[in-house]
N, C-alpha and C. Protein backbone atom coordinates (compact mmCIF):
# COMPACT_ATOMS: atom_id res chain seq x y z
N MET A 1 0.47 -1.00 0.08
CA MET A 1 0.20 -0.50 -0.43
C MET A 1 0.66 1.29 0.10
N ARG A 2 0.26 2.79 -0.54
CA ARG A 2 1.37 2.90 -1.13
C ARG A 2 0.60 4.66 0.37
N LEU A 3 2.47 4.76 1.33
CA LEU A 3 1.81 5.62 2.26
C LEU A 3 2.08 6.05 2.32
N PHE A 4 1.37 7.83 3.48
CA PHE A 4 2.43 8.99 3.65
C PHE A 4 2.41 9.39 5.50
N LEU A 5 2.85 10.74 5.71
CA LEU A 5 3.18 10.80 6.92
C LEU A 5 2.61 12.82 6.37
N ALA A 6 1.49 13.07 7.02
CA ALA A 6 1.02 14.72 6.83
C ALA A 6 0.48 14.86 8.50
N LEU A 7 0.27 16.35 8.30
CA LEU A 7 -1.04 17.36 9.25
C LEU A 7 -1.38 17.50 7.87
N GLU A 8 -2.87 16.62 8.55
CA GLU A 8 -4.09 17.69 8.14
C GLU A 8 -5.34 18.66 8.57
N PRO A 9 -5.62 19.82 8.18
CA PRO A 9 -5.92 21.43 8.46
C PRO A 9 -7.19 20.79 9.44
N PRO A 10 -7.14 21.32 10.57
CA PRO A 10 -9.15 21.38 11.09
C PRO A 10 -9.42 21.71 10.01
N PRO A 11 -11.14 21.61 10.74
CA PRO A 11 -11.95 21.66 9.32
C PRO A 11 -12.37 23.46 9.47
N ALA A 12 -12.42 24.69 9.93
CA ALA A 12 -12.20 25.75 9.58
C ALA A 12 -11.11 26.14 8.56
N LEU A 13 -10.25 25.80 8.83
CA LEU A 13 -9.08 25.89 8.30
C LEU A 13 -9.30 24.65 6.45
N ARG A 14 -9.27 24.38 6.85
CA ARG A 14 -9.66 23.31 5.54
C ARG A 14 -10.49 24.23 4.35
N ALA A 15 -11.74 24.38 5.39
CA ALA A 15 -12.81 25.40 4.60
C ALA A 15 -12.11 26.78 3.18
N ARG A 16 -11.93 27.17 4.37
CA ARG A 16 -10.72 28.30 4.23
C ARG A 16 -9.92 27.86 2.92
N LEU A 17 -9.00 26.89 3.26
CA LEU A 17 -7.95 26.49 1.79
C LEU A 17 -9.20 26.34 1.17
N GLY A 18 -10.29 25.23 0.98
CA GLY A 18 -11.10 24.69 -0.25
C GLY A 18 -11.50 26.14 -0.86
N ALA A 19 -11.97 27.16 -0.51
CA ALA A 19 -12.04 28.52 -0.90
C ALA A 19 -10.81 28.98 -1.68
N LEU A 20 -10.08 29.10 -1.45
CA LEU A 20 -8.78 29.48 -2.05
C LEU A 20 -8.44 28.40 -3.57
N ALA A 21 -8.78 26.87 -3.27
CA ALA A 21 -8.51 26.39 -4.58
C ALA A 21 -9.91 26.49 -5.64
N ASP A 22 -10.94 26.83 -5.08
CA ASP A 22 -11.93 27.11 -6.36
C ASP A 22 -11.33 29.20 -6.60
N LEU A 23 -10.77 29.49 -6.12
CA LEU A 23 -10.34 30.92 -6.69
C LEU A 23 -8.57 30.26 -7.89
N ALA A 24 -8.59 29.46 -7.71
CA ALA A 24 -7.26 28.74 -8.20
C ALA A 24 -7.84 28.45 -9.00
N GLN A 25 -8.80 27.10 -9.07
CA GLN A 25 -9.38 26.47 -10.31
C GLN A 25 -10.44 27.57 -10.90
N ALA A 26 -10.56 28.71 -10.88
CA ALA A 26 -11.50 29.30 -12.22
C ALA A 26 -10.30 30.38 -12.66
N GLN A 27 -9.21 30.21 -12.29
CA GLN A 27 -7.32 31.21 -12.59
C GLN A 27 -7.15 30.46 -13.82
N CYS A 28 -6.85 28.42 -13.14
CA CYS A 28 -5.69 28.22 -13.20
C CYS A 28 -5.99 27.06 -14.40
N GLY A 29 -7.68 26.60 -14.20
CA GLY A 29 -8.13 25.61 -14.58
C GLY A 29 -7.37 24.16 -13.85
N GLY A 30 -7.67 23.01 -14.42
CA GLY A 30 -6.93 21.89 -13.69
C GLY A 30 -8.52 21.15 -12.56
N ARG A 31 -7.66 20.50 -12.05
CA ARG A 31 -8.12 18.89 -11.32
C ARG A 31 -7.92 20.66 -10.14
N ARG A 32 -8.46 20.33 -8.77
CA ARG A 32 -9.11 21.28 -7.77
C ARG A 32 -8.75 19.61 -6.73
N VAL A 33 -8.44 19.95 -5.39
CA VAL A 33 -8.26 18.37 -4.95
C VAL A 33 -9.54 19.36 -3.79
N PRO A 34 -10.01 17.58 -3.61
CA PRO A 34 -11.23 17.80 -2.62
C PRO A 34 -10.75 18.81 -1.11
N ASP A 35 -11.86 19.43 -1.21
CA ASP A 35 -11.86 19.73 1.07
C ASP A 35 -10.89 18.30 1.76
N GLU A 36 -11.68 17.21 1.26
CA GLU A 36 -11.18 16.92 2.70
C GLU A 36 -9.61 15.87 2.17
N SER A 37 -9.19 16.07 0.34
CA SER A 37 -8.22 15.55 0.61
C SER A 37 -6.90 16.62 0.98
N LEU A 38 -7.28 17.78 1.45
CA LEU A 38 -5.89 18.44 1.83
C LEU A 38 -5.18 18.64 2.79
N HIS A 39 -4.13 18.69 2.68
CA HIS A 39 -2.98 18.38 3.85
C HIS A 39 -1.38 18.59 3.87
N LEU A 40 -0.67 18.42 4.58
CA LEU A 40 0.41 19.12 3.99
C LEU A 40 1.67 17.35 4.91
N THR A 41 2.19 16.91 3.53
CA THR A 41 3.16 15.71 3.72
C THR A 41 4.37 16.46 4.23
N LEU A 42 4.17 15.80 4.88
CA LEU A 42 5.81 15.57 6.03
C LEU A 42 7.13 14.49 5.20
N ALA A 43 6.57 13.32 5.16
CA ALA A 43 6.94 12.28 4.61
C ALA A 43 6.14 11.55 3.74
N PHE A 44 6.62 10.78 2.91
CA PHE A 44 6.19 10.47 1.74
C PHE A 44 6.83 8.39 2.11
N LEU A 45 6.29 7.26 1.66
CA LEU A 45 6.92 6.40 2.34
C LEU A 45 6.66 5.54 0.89
N GLY A 46 5.94 5.87 0.10
CA GLY A 46 5.58 4.74 -1.60
C GLY A 46 5.19 3.73 -1.04
N GLU A 47 5.91 2.32 -1.47
CA GLU A 47 4.92 1.49 -1.44
C GLU A 47 5.61 0.70 -0.04
N VAL A 48 4.48 0.82 0.78
CA VAL A 48 4.79 -0.13 1.98
C VAL A 48 3.95 -1.54 1.87
N GLU A 49 4.45 -2.62 2.75
CA GLU A 49 3.99 -3.87 2.47
C GLU A 49 3.26 -4.07 4.29
N THR A 50 2.25 -5.02 4.15
CA THR A 50 1.57 -4.85 4.98
C THR A 50 1.80 -4.67 7.06
N ALA A 51 3.12 -5.90 6.97
CA ALA A 51 3.60 -6.06 7.85
C ALA A 51 4.33 -4.41 8.17
N ARG A 52 4.98 -3.85 7.34
CA ARG A 52 5.68 -2.39 7.92
C ARG A 52 4.77 -1.92 7.95
N ALA A 53 3.40 -1.64 7.94
CA ALA A 53 2.19 -0.63 7.84
C ALA A 53 2.38 -0.90 8.90
N GLU A 54 2.13 -1.86 10.00
CA GLU A 54 1.83 -2.25 11.14
C GLU A 54 2.19 -1.85 11.96
N THR A 55 3.89 -2.03 11.88
CA THR A 55 4.73 -1.49 12.72
C THR A 55 4.33 0.03 12.35
N LEU A 56 3.83 0.56 11.77
CA LEU A 56 4.44 1.70 11.22
C LEU A 56 3.03 2.63 12.37
N ILE A 57 2.17 1.84 12.34
CA ILE A 57 0.75 2.21 12.57
C ILE A 57 1.22 3.10 14.21
N GLU A 58 1.31 1.70 14.83
CA GLU A 58 2.36 1.25 16.23
C GLU A 58 2.82 2.58 16.57
N TRP A 59 4.07 2.79 16.10
CA TRP A 59 5.38 4.15 16.07
C TRP A 59 4.66 5.38 16.02
N LEU A 60 3.58 5.14 14.81
CA LEU A 60 3.53 6.71 15.33
C LEU A 60 1.85 6.92 16.18
N GLN A 61 1.53 6.27 16.64
CA GLN A 61 0.38 5.91 17.78
C GLN A 61 1.13 6.92 19.13
N GLY A 62 2.70 6.68 19.00
CA GLY A 62 3.19 6.37 19.75
C GLY A 62 3.86 7.87 20.47
N GLU A 63 3.97 8.21 18.25
CA GLU A 63 4.24 10.03 18.43
C GLU A 63 3.07 10.33 19.26
N ALA A 64 4.17 11.90 19.58
CA ALA A 64 2.89 13.57 20.23
C ALA A 64 3.93 14.45 20.43
N PRO A 65 3.86 15.05 18.88
CA PRO A 65 4.34 16.40 19.03
C PRO A 65 4.01 17.14 19.50
N GLN A 66 5.25 17.70 19.73
CA GLN A 66 4.70 19.35 19.81
C GLN A 66 3.78 19.98 19.71
N GLY A 67 3.38 20.68 18.57
CA GLY A 67 2.71 21.14 17.88
C GLY A 67 3.77 22.50 17.96
N GLY A 68 2.62 23.28 16.26
CA GLY A 68 3.01 24.31 16.29
C GLY A 68 1.74 25.13 15.61
N GLU A 69 3.03 26.53 14.37
CA GLU A 69 2.04 27.24 14.27
C GLU A 69 2.31 27.78 12.87
N TRP A 70 1.88 26.67 11.59
CA TRP A 70 2.58 27.91 10.27
C TRP A 70 1.45 28.93 9.75
N ARG A 71 2.28 29.47 9.29
CA ARG A 71 1.96 31.07 8.46
C ARG A 71 1.50 30.55 7.17
N LEU A 72 0.18 31.21 6.55
CA LEU A 72 0.70 30.64 4.78
C LEU A 72 -0.06 31.13 4.83
N ASP A 73 1.28 32.67 3.71
CA ASP A 73 0.90 33.72 2.94
C ASP A 73 1.81 34.16 1.69
N ARG A 74 1.67 32.85 1.19
CA ARG A 74 1.87 32.62 -0.64
C ARG A 74 1.51 31.36 -1.43
N TRP A 75 1.17 32.37 -2.82
CA TRP A 75 1.38 31.21 -3.85
C TRP A 75 2.32 30.48 -4.36
N GLY A 76 2.10 29.32 -4.81
CA GLY A 76 3.37 28.37 -5.25
C GLY A 76 2.88 27.56 -6.35
N THR A 77 3.88 27.51 -7.51
CA THR A 77 2.77 26.50 -8.20
C THR A 77 4.70 25.43 -8.60
N PHE A 78 4.36 24.13 -8.99
CA PHE A 78 5.55 23.51 -9.11
C PHE A 78 4.97 23.06 -11.10
N ARG A 79 5.62 23.63 -11.48
CA ARG A 79 5.83 24.14 -13.63
C ARG A 79 5.67 22.47 -13.75
N ARG A 80 6.50 21.21 -13.74
CA ARG A 80 6.20 20.26 -14.54
C ARG A 80 4.85 19.12 -14.55
N PRO A 81 4.31 19.36 -12.95
CA PRO A 81 3.01 18.76 -12.74
C PRO A 81 1.72 19.39 -12.93
N GLY A 82 2.08 20.54 -13.24
CA GLY A 82 0.82 22.00 -13.19
C GLY A 82 0.38 21.42 -12.08
N ILE A 83 1.01 21.53 -10.11
CA ILE A 83 0.42 21.86 -9.27
C ILE A 83 0.29 22.94 -8.68
N VAL A 84 -0.92 23.98 -8.28
CA VAL A 84 -1.19 24.97 -7.58
C VAL A 84 -1.11 24.89 -6.02
N TRP A 85 -0.38 25.34 -5.30
CA TRP A 85 0.11 25.18 -4.18
C TRP A 85 -0.04 26.98 -2.85
N VAL A 86 -0.77 26.72 -1.97
CA VAL A 86 -0.32 27.38 -0.73
C VAL A 86 0.47 27.00 0.45
N GLY A 87 1.16 27.71 0.34
CA GLY A 87 2.65 27.42 1.93
C GLY A 87 3.30 29.08 2.51
N GLY A 88 3.86 28.87 3.40
CA GLY A 88 4.61 30.36 3.86
C GLY A 88 5.73 30.87 2.60
N SER A 89 6.10 32.33 3.05
CA SER A 89 7.04 32.72 2.38
C SER A 89 8.36 32.61 2.82
N THR A 90 8.38 32.08 4.28
CA THR A 90 9.68 32.08 5.10
C THR A 90 9.79 30.70 5.89
N PRO A 91 11.28 29.65 6.27
CA PRO A 91 10.96 28.73 6.34
C PRO A 91 10.69 28.74 7.70
N ASP A 92 9.53 27.93 7.87
CA ASP A 92 9.22 27.18 9.47
C ASP A 92 10.22 26.57 10.26
N PRO A 93 11.23 27.31 11.27
CA PRO A 93 11.78 26.09 11.81
C PRO A 93 11.07 24.87 12.72
N ALA A 94 9.82 25.26 13.26
CA ALA A 94 9.01 23.87 13.71
C ALA A 94 8.61 22.98 12.96
N LEU A 95 8.00 23.26 11.77
CA LEU A 95 7.97 22.44 10.68
C LEU A 95 9.48 20.83 10.30
N ALA A 96 10.53 22.64 10.33
CA ALA A 96 11.24 21.67 9.05
C ALA A 96 11.60 20.65 10.81
N ALA A 97 11.88 21.12 11.56
CA ALA A 97 12.09 20.39 12.79
C ALA A 97 11.44 19.05 12.70
N LEU A 98 10.28 19.03 12.69
CA LEU A 98 9.32 17.82 12.68
C LEU A 98 9.57 16.87 12.02
N GLN A 99 9.49 17.84 10.30
CA GLN A 99 9.78 16.92 9.47
C GLN A 99 11.36 15.80 9.45
N ALA A 100 12.19 16.63 9.67
CA ALA A 100 13.45 16.14 10.28
C ALA A 100 13.06 14.55 11.94
N ARG A 101 12.62 15.17 12.96
CA ARG A 101 13.10 14.18 13.19
C ARG A 101 12.04 13.55 12.87
N LEU A 102 10.80 13.12 12.50
CA LEU A 102 9.90 12.23 11.37
C LEU A 102 11.09 10.77 10.57
N TRP A 103 11.50 11.48 10.11
CA TRP A 103 12.77 11.18 9.10
C TRP A 103 13.73 10.31 10.13
N ASP A 104 14.18 10.50 11.27
CA ASP A 104 15.29 9.83 12.06
C ASP A 104 14.29 8.74 12.43
N GLY A 105 12.89 8.37 12.83
CA GLY A 105 13.14 8.38 13.65
C GLY A 105 12.01 6.95 11.88
N LEU A 106 11.55 7.04 11.19
CA LEU A 106 12.07 6.15 10.10
C LEU A 106 12.63 5.92 9.69
N GLU A 107 13.92 6.38 9.58
CA GLU A 107 15.04 5.21 9.70
C GLU A 107 15.30 4.19 10.31
N ALA A 108 15.05 5.06 11.83
CA ALA A 108 15.28 3.50 12.06
C ALA A 108 14.50 2.22 12.47
N LEU A 109 13.39 2.74 11.59
CA LEU A 109 12.09 1.92 11.30
C LEU A 109 12.36 1.06 9.93
N GLY A 110 13.95 1.56 9.51
CA GLY A 110 13.59 0.80 8.26
C GLY A 110 13.80 1.89 6.57
N HIS A 111 13.21 2.74 6.63
CA HIS A 111 12.73 3.02 5.68
C HIS A 111 13.77 4.13 4.77
N GLY A 112 13.75 5.06 4.17
CA GLY A 112 14.68 5.39 3.29
C GLY A 112 15.12 6.65 3.86
N GLY A 113 15.75 7.59 3.98
CA GLY A 113 16.00 9.18 4.08
C GLY A 113 15.03 9.58 3.63
N PRO A 114 15.56 10.45 4.15
CA PRO A 114 14.48 12.05 3.42
C PRO A 114 14.84 12.58 2.36
N PRO A 115 14.02 13.56 1.90
CA PRO A 115 14.57 13.76 0.44
C PRO A 115 14.99 15.29 0.59
N THR A 116 15.73 15.61 -0.41
CA THR A 116 16.47 16.48 -0.37
C THR A 116 16.32 17.54 -0.26
N ARG A 117 15.28 18.26 -0.37
CA ARG A 117 14.25 19.38 -0.60
C ARG A 117 13.38 19.16 0.12
N PHE A 118 13.34 20.34 1.00
CA PHE A 118 11.32 19.82 1.67
C PHE A 118 10.48 20.94 1.37
N VAL A 119 10.28 20.63 1.01
CA VAL A 119 8.90 22.43 0.37
C VAL A 119 7.82 22.70 1.30
N PRO A 120 7.42 22.87 2.14
CA PRO A 120 6.15 22.75 3.20
C PRO A 120 5.18 23.31 2.20
N HIS A 121 4.17 23.05 1.76
CA HIS A 121 3.03 23.20 0.97
C HIS A 121 1.92 22.22 0.95
N ILE A 122 0.75 23.06 0.56
CA ILE A 122 -1.00 22.17 0.12
C ILE A 122 -1.06 22.92 -0.73
N THR A 123 -1.09 21.20 -1.85
CA THR A 123 -1.27 21.66 -3.23
C THR A 123 -2.83 21.48 -3.10
N LEU A 124 -3.47 22.77 -3.96
CA LEU A 124 -4.96 23.06 -4.03
C LEU A 124 -4.72 22.99 -5.56
N LEU A 125 -4.39 22.03 -6.63
CA LEU A 125 -4.39 22.42 -7.91
C LEU A 125 -3.56 20.84 -8.73
N ARG A 126 -4.38 20.23 -9.34
CA ARG A 126 -3.49 19.13 -10.04
C ARG A 126 -3.46 19.45 -11.84
N ARG A 127 -2.28 19.31 -12.95
CA ARG A 127 -2.93 19.84 -14.44
C ARG A 127 -3.30 21.15 -14.02
N ALA A 128 -3.13 21.93 -13.32
CA ALA A 128 -3.13 23.31 -14.09
C ALA A 128 -2.70 23.57 -15.66
N ARG A 129 -3.46 24.07 -16.38
CA ARG A 129 -3.59 24.21 -17.22
C ARG A 129 -2.61 25.69 -17.43
N ARG A 130 -2.85 26.59 -16.74
CA ARG A 130 -2.02 27.80 -16.91
C ARG A 130 -1.76 28.11 -15.02
N LEU A 131 -0.88 28.24 -15.33
CA LEU A 131 0.06 28.57 -13.45
C LEU A 131 0.50 30.44 -13.26
N SER A 132 -0.68 30.74 -13.68
CA SER A 132 -0.71 32.26 -13.58
C SER A 132 -1.52 32.70 -12.81
N ILE A 133 -0.60 32.68 -11.69
CA ILE A 133 -1.04 32.95 -10.18
C ILE A 133 -0.57 34.13 -9.16
N GLU A 134 -0.53 34.99 -10.27
CA GLU A 134 -0.19 36.99 -10.28
C GLU A 134 -1.75 37.18 -9.58
N ALA A 135 -2.56 36.88 -10.09
CA ALA A 135 -3.96 37.90 -9.99
C ALA A 135 -4.75 37.01 -8.58
N LEU A 136 -4.25 36.32 -8.28
CA LEU A 136 -4.92 35.35 -7.21
C LEU A 136 -3.95 36.23 -6.28
N PRO A 137 -6.00 36.48 -5.08
CA PRO A 137 -5.72 36.88 -4.11
C PRO A 137 -4.51 36.46 -3.06
N PRO A 138 -4.27 37.83 -2.05
CA PRO A 138 -3.24 37.76 -1.38
C PRO A 138 -3.48 36.47 -0.16
N VAL A 139 -2.48 36.07 0.51
CA VAL A 139 -3.59 34.47 1.08
C VAL A 139 -2.62 35.28 2.83
N ASP A 140 -3.23 35.10 3.59
CA ASP A 140 -2.85 34.78 5.06
C ASP A 140 -3.50 34.01 5.86
N LEU A 141 -2.93 32.96 6.28
CA LEU A 141 -3.90 32.43 7.30
C LEU A 141 -2.91 31.57 8.13
N THR A 142 -3.29 31.55 9.25
CA THR A 142 -2.62 30.61 10.30
C THR A 142 -3.26 29.19 10.88
N TRP A 143 -2.15 28.05 10.77
CA TRP A 143 -1.94 26.52 10.90
C TRP A 143 -1.81 26.84 12.36
N ARG A 144 -2.96 26.23 13.15
CA ARG A 144 -2.12 25.87 14.61
C ARG A 144 -1.87 23.97 14.19
N TRP A 145 -0.92 22.79 14.01
CA TRP A 145 -0.87 21.73 13.78
C TRP A 145 -0.59 21.22 15.29
N ARG A 146 -1.11 20.26 14.86
CA ARG A 146 -0.52 19.16 16.25
C ARG A 146 -0.60 17.60 16.67
N ARG A 147 -1.24 17.34 15.40
CA ARG A 147 -1.39 15.53 15.53
C ARG A 147 -1.08 15.09 13.90
N LEU A 148 -0.14 14.10 14.24
CA LEU A 148 0.20 13.77 13.17
C LEU A 148 -0.66 12.53 12.00
N THR A 149 -0.86 12.64 10.97
CA THR A 149 -1.48 11.00 10.61
C THR A 149 -1.34 10.44 9.92
N LEU A 150 -1.31 9.51 9.53
CA LEU A 150 -0.92 8.43 8.48
C LEU A 150 -1.54 7.99 7.66
N LEU A 151 -1.49 7.93 6.78
CA LEU A 151 -2.19 8.52 5.57
C LEU A 151 -1.82 7.69 4.42
N ARG A 152 -3.16 6.19 3.29
CA ARG A 152 -3.05 5.02 2.66
C ARG A 152 -3.53 6.34 1.51
N SER A 153 -2.93 6.09 0.42
CA SER A 153 -2.78 6.73 -0.91
C SER A 153 -3.98 6.30 -2.11
N PHE A 154 -4.38 5.51 -2.94
CA PHE A 154 -4.76 5.54 -3.82
C PHE A 154 -5.39 5.72 -4.85
N THR A 155 -5.67 5.67 -6.12
CA THR A 155 -5.68 6.41 -7.46
C THR A 155 -7.87 6.06 -8.21
N LEU A 156 -8.50 6.90 -8.21
CA LEU A 156 -9.57 6.72 -8.73
C LEU A 156 -9.73 7.01 -9.74
N ASP A 157 -10.57 6.71 -10.61
CA ASP A 157 -11.27 7.73 -12.25
C ASP A 157 -10.81 9.38 -11.73
N ASP A 158 -11.08 9.80 -11.31
CA ASP A 158 -11.39 10.95 -10.30
C ASP A 158 -10.38 12.26 -9.73
N GLY A 159 -8.83 10.97 -9.32
CA GLY A 159 -7.74 11.94 -8.52
C GLY A 159 -7.51 11.24 -7.35
N PRO A 160 -6.53 11.44 -6.71
CA PRO A 160 -6.01 10.45 -5.89
C PRO A 160 -7.20 10.64 -4.16
N ARG A 161 -7.29 10.03 -3.91
CA ARG A 161 -7.68 9.86 -2.62
C ARG A 161 -7.31 8.75 -1.40
N TYR A 162 -7.45 9.84 -0.41
CA TYR A 162 -6.31 9.04 1.29
C TYR A 162 -7.21 8.61 2.20
N GLU A 163 -6.47 7.45 2.78
CA GLU A 163 -7.12 6.77 3.58
C GLU A 163 -6.65 7.29 5.75
N VAL A 164 -7.56 7.54 6.43
CA VAL A 164 -6.47 7.33 7.58
C VAL A 164 -6.27 6.21 8.13
N LEU A 165 -5.08 5.70 8.30
CA LEU A 165 -4.64 4.22 9.34
C LEU A 165 -4.47 4.55 10.60
N ALA A 166 -3.99 6.04 10.85
CA ALA A 166 -3.72 6.01 12.25
C ALA A 166 -3.63 7.44 12.63
N ARG A 167 -3.38 7.93 13.58
CA ARG A 167 -3.26 9.32 14.03
C ARG A 167 -1.98 9.48 15.52
N SER A 168 -1.24 10.25 15.21
CA SER A 168 -0.54 10.76 16.17
C SER A 168 -1.41 10.77 17.85
N ALA A 169 -0.50 11.00 19.16
CA ALA A 169 -1.07 11.44 20.16
C ALA A 169 -1.97 12.70 20.46
């Protein structure tokens, strides 16, 4: 099964991100990420066997992240896959520390190392036809995060969907 660790926005923030996704889709076209699928990926694990997934679930349920606050204040794009996203204009030390600590734990469990570059973002659109974000309104949101989620990714005809396997304490 295809797994990743993420932070999920609380309902009020998720609704505001969904409204931004609607604005972005009207401007850029493409496939809008459904509100229930909005998240911040901290560690993509790829295909994981069932036994290893069970170990990950147990490990994650024992984790208790300190929590933090992330300021979302910019639009961004990844040209090659046609992604439109929102994120922070400055690096967030708490998110970077959380991601590094997670990878330390994952490596101890036998998973590969972290990516060479971590760009915290929330994908709002996939396969955007235009990556012109200049006309989109300013973003100024605060995300108070507390819990980690282990998600299983699977693909349907209308795009990826996620199933929660476990959450941290």
